[in-house]
Amino acid sequence: MKGEKAVTMKNGRNALTGTCSVCGTKMFKIGGGSAGATKAKAKVKAGGKKKVAKKKK
């Protein structure tokens, strides 16, 4: 990927965007880069636990 740029998606996850170095197609890779990493961590409440859905019988 060339011309890559780190971005943060609406949901706070990191991603990379750029163009393919072979064919020139636009690329978008979720989970790459470190854009807003501290911002996303700051949104998490201290001591917060995820709610787990109970299975229906």
N, C-alpha and C. Protein backbone atom coordinates (compact mmCIF):
# COMPACT_ATOMS: atom_id res chain seq x y z
N MET A 1 0.85 -1.17 0.00
CA MET A 1 0.00 0.00 0.00
C MET A 1 0.90 1.24 0.00
N LYS A 2 0.58 2.18 -0.84
CA LYS A 2 1.34 3.43 -0.84
C LYS A 2 0.40 4.59 -0.55
N GLY A 3 0.97 5.66 -0.03
CA GLY A 3 0.17 6.82 0.34
C GLY A 3 -0.77 6.50 1.50
N GLU A 4 -0.32 5.60 2.37
CA GLU A 4 -1.19 5.17 3.46
C GLU A 4 -1.40 6.26 4.50
N LYS A 5 -2.59 6.26 5.06
CA LYS A 5 -2.97 7.26 6.05
C LYS A 5 -3.74 6.56 7.16
N ALA A 6 -3.36 6.78 8.40
CA ALA A 6 -4.06 6.20 9.54
C ALA A 6 -5.32 7.01 9.82
N VAL A 7 -6.45 6.33 9.99
CA VAL A 7 -7.72 6.98 10.27
C VAL A 7 -8.40 6.26 11.43
N THR A 8 -9.37 6.94 12.04
CA THR A 8 -10.18 6.34 13.09
C THR A 8 -11.62 6.32 12.59
N MET A 9 -12.25 5.14 12.65
CA MET A 9 -13.62 5.00 12.18
C MET A 9 -14.58 5.55 13.23
N LYS A 10 -15.86 5.69 12.87
CA LYS A 10 -16.87 6.23 13.78
C LYS A 10 -16.96 5.46 15.08
N ASN A 11 -16.73 4.14 15.01
CA ASN A 11 -16.85 3.32 16.22
C ASN A 11 -15.58 3.32 17.06
N GLY A 12 -14.57 4.11 16.67
CA GLY A 12 -13.35 4.24 17.46
C GLY A 12 -12.23 3.29 17.07
N ARG A 13 -12.49 2.37 16.15
CA ARG A 13 -11.45 1.43 15.74
C ARG A 13 -10.48 2.09 14.77
N ASN A 14 -9.25 1.59 14.73
CA ASN A 14 -8.22 2.14 13.86
C ASN A 14 -8.27 1.47 12.49
N ALA A 15 -7.82 2.19 11.48
CA ALA A 15 -7.78 1.65 10.13
C ALA A 15 -6.71 2.38 9.32
N LEU A 16 -6.33 1.78 8.20
CA LEU A 16 -5.41 2.40 7.26
C LEU A 16 -6.12 2.54 5.92
N THR A 17 -5.89 3.64 5.23
CA THR A 17 -6.43 3.83 3.90
C THR A 17 -5.30 4.28 2.98
N GLY A 18 -5.36 3.86 1.74
CA GLY A 18 -4.32 4.19 0.78
C GLY A 18 -4.62 3.58 -0.57
N THR A 19 -3.59 3.45 -1.41
CA THR A 19 -3.77 2.86 -2.73
C THR A 19 -2.82 1.68 -2.92
N CYS A 20 -3.26 0.72 -3.72
CA CYS A 20 -2.46 -0.46 -4.02
C CYS A 20 -1.25 -0.04 -4.86
N SER A 21 -0.07 -0.51 -4.47
CA SER A 21 1.15 -0.13 -5.19
C SER A 21 1.25 -0.84 -6.54
N VAL A 22 0.48 -1.88 -6.77
CA VAL A 22 0.52 -2.63 -8.03
C VAL A 22 -0.50 -2.10 -9.05
N CYS A 23 -1.78 -2.00 -8.62
CA CYS A 23 -2.84 -1.65 -9.58
C CYS A 23 -3.46 -0.27 -9.37
N GLY A 24 -3.21 0.39 -8.24
CA GLY A 24 -3.73 1.73 -8.00
C GLY A 24 -5.13 1.78 -7.42
N THR A 25 -5.69 0.63 -7.04
CA THR A 25 -7.02 0.57 -6.46
C THR A 25 -7.00 1.11 -5.03
N LYS A 26 -8.08 1.78 -4.62
CA LYS A 26 -8.17 2.26 -3.24
C LYS A 26 -8.26 1.07 -2.30
N MET A 27 -7.57 1.18 -1.15
CA MET A 27 -7.56 0.11 -0.15
C MET A 27 -7.97 0.68 1.20
N PHE A 28 -8.60 -0.18 2.01
CA PHE A 28 -9.02 0.19 3.36
C PHE A 28 -8.82 -1.02 4.24
N LYS A 29 -7.91 -0.93 5.21
CA LYS A 29 -7.60 -2.06 6.08
C LYS A 29 -7.99 -1.73 7.51
N ILE A 30 -8.95 -2.48 8.04
CA ILE A 30 -9.41 -2.28 9.41
C ILE A 30 -8.41 -2.90 10.37
N GLY A 31 -8.10 -2.19 11.45
CA GLY A 31 -7.20 -2.70 12.47
C GLY A 31 -5.76 -2.28 12.28
N GLY A 32 -5.45 -1.57 11.24
CA GLY A 32 -4.08 -1.13 11.00
C GLY A 32 -3.83 0.25 11.56
N GLY A 33 -2.59 0.59 11.77
CA GLY A 33 -2.22 1.93 12.21
C GLY A 33 -2.49 2.17 13.68
N SER A 34 -2.22 3.38 14.13
CA SER A 34 -2.42 3.70 15.53
C SER A 34 -3.14 5.03 15.71
N ALA A 35 -3.91 5.43 14.73
CA ALA A 35 -4.61 6.71 14.80
C ALA A 35 -5.65 6.69 15.90
N GLY A 36 -5.56 7.63 16.82
CA GLY A 36 -6.56 7.75 17.87
C GLY A 36 -6.54 6.63 18.89
N ALA A 37 -5.46 5.91 19.00
CA ALA A 37 -5.40 4.78 19.93
C ALA A 37 -5.64 5.25 21.37
N THR A 38 -5.06 6.37 21.73
CA THR A 38 -5.26 6.86 23.09
C THR A 38 -6.67 7.42 23.26
N LYS A 39 -7.22 7.98 22.20
CA LYS A 39 -8.58 8.53 22.26
C LYS A 39 -9.58 7.40 22.49
N ALA A 40 -9.42 6.27 21.78
CA ALA A 40 -10.34 5.15 21.92
C ALA A 40 -10.24 4.54 23.32
N LYS A 41 -9.05 4.45 23.88
CA LYS A 41 -8.87 3.89 25.20
C LYS A 41 -9.47 4.80 26.27
N ALA A 42 -9.45 6.10 26.03
CA ALA A 42 -9.97 7.05 27.01
C ALA A 42 -11.49 6.94 27.15
N LYS A 43 -12.17 6.46 26.11
CA LYS A 43 -13.62 6.35 26.13
C LYS A 43 -14.09 5.19 27.00
N VAL A 44 -13.25 4.21 27.23
CA VAL A 44 -13.62 3.04 28.03
C VAL A 44 -13.69 3.45 29.49
N LYS A 45 -14.79 3.11 30.14
CA LYS A 45 -14.96 3.45 31.55
C LYS A 45 -14.10 2.54 32.41
N ALA A 46 -13.53 3.08 33.45
CA ALA A 46 -12.68 2.31 34.35
C ALA A 46 -13.53 1.27 35.08
N GLY A 47 -13.06 0.03 35.07
CA GLY A 47 -13.75 -1.04 35.77
C GLY A 47 -15.00 -1.53 35.08
N GLY A 48 -15.23 -1.05 33.87
CA GLY A 48 -16.42 -1.47 33.13
C GLY A 48 -16.32 -2.91 32.65
N LYS A 49 -17.43 -3.63 32.69
CA LYS A 49 -17.45 -5.01 32.22
C LYS A 49 -18.43 -5.11 31.06
N LYS A 50 -18.11 -6.01 30.14
CA LYS A 50 -19.00 -6.25 29.01
C LYS A 50 -20.17 -7.07 29.48
N LYS A 51 -21.35 -6.76 28.97
CA LYS A 51 -22.53 -7.54 29.28
C LYS A 51 -22.57 -8.75 28.36
N VAL A 52 -22.80 -9.90 28.93
CA VAL A 52 -22.86 -11.13 28.15
C VAL A 52 -24.31 -11.55 28.06
N ALA A 53 -24.78 -11.76 26.84
CA ALA A 53 -26.18 -12.17 26.63
C ALA A 53 -26.34 -13.61 27.10
N LYS A 54 -27.43 -13.84 27.84
CA LYS A 54 -27.71 -15.20 28.31
C LYS A 54 -28.40 -15.98 27.20
N LYS A 55 -28.06 -17.26 27.11
CA LYS A 55 -28.67 -18.12 26.10
C LYS A 55 -30.10 -18.46 26.50
N LYS A 56 -30.99 -18.44 25.51
CA LYS A 56 -32.37 -18.83 25.74
C LYS A 56 -32.48 -20.34 25.65
N LYS A 57 -33.29 -20.91 26.52
CA LYS A 57 -33.47 -22.38 26.49
C LYS A 57 -34.74 -22.74 25.77
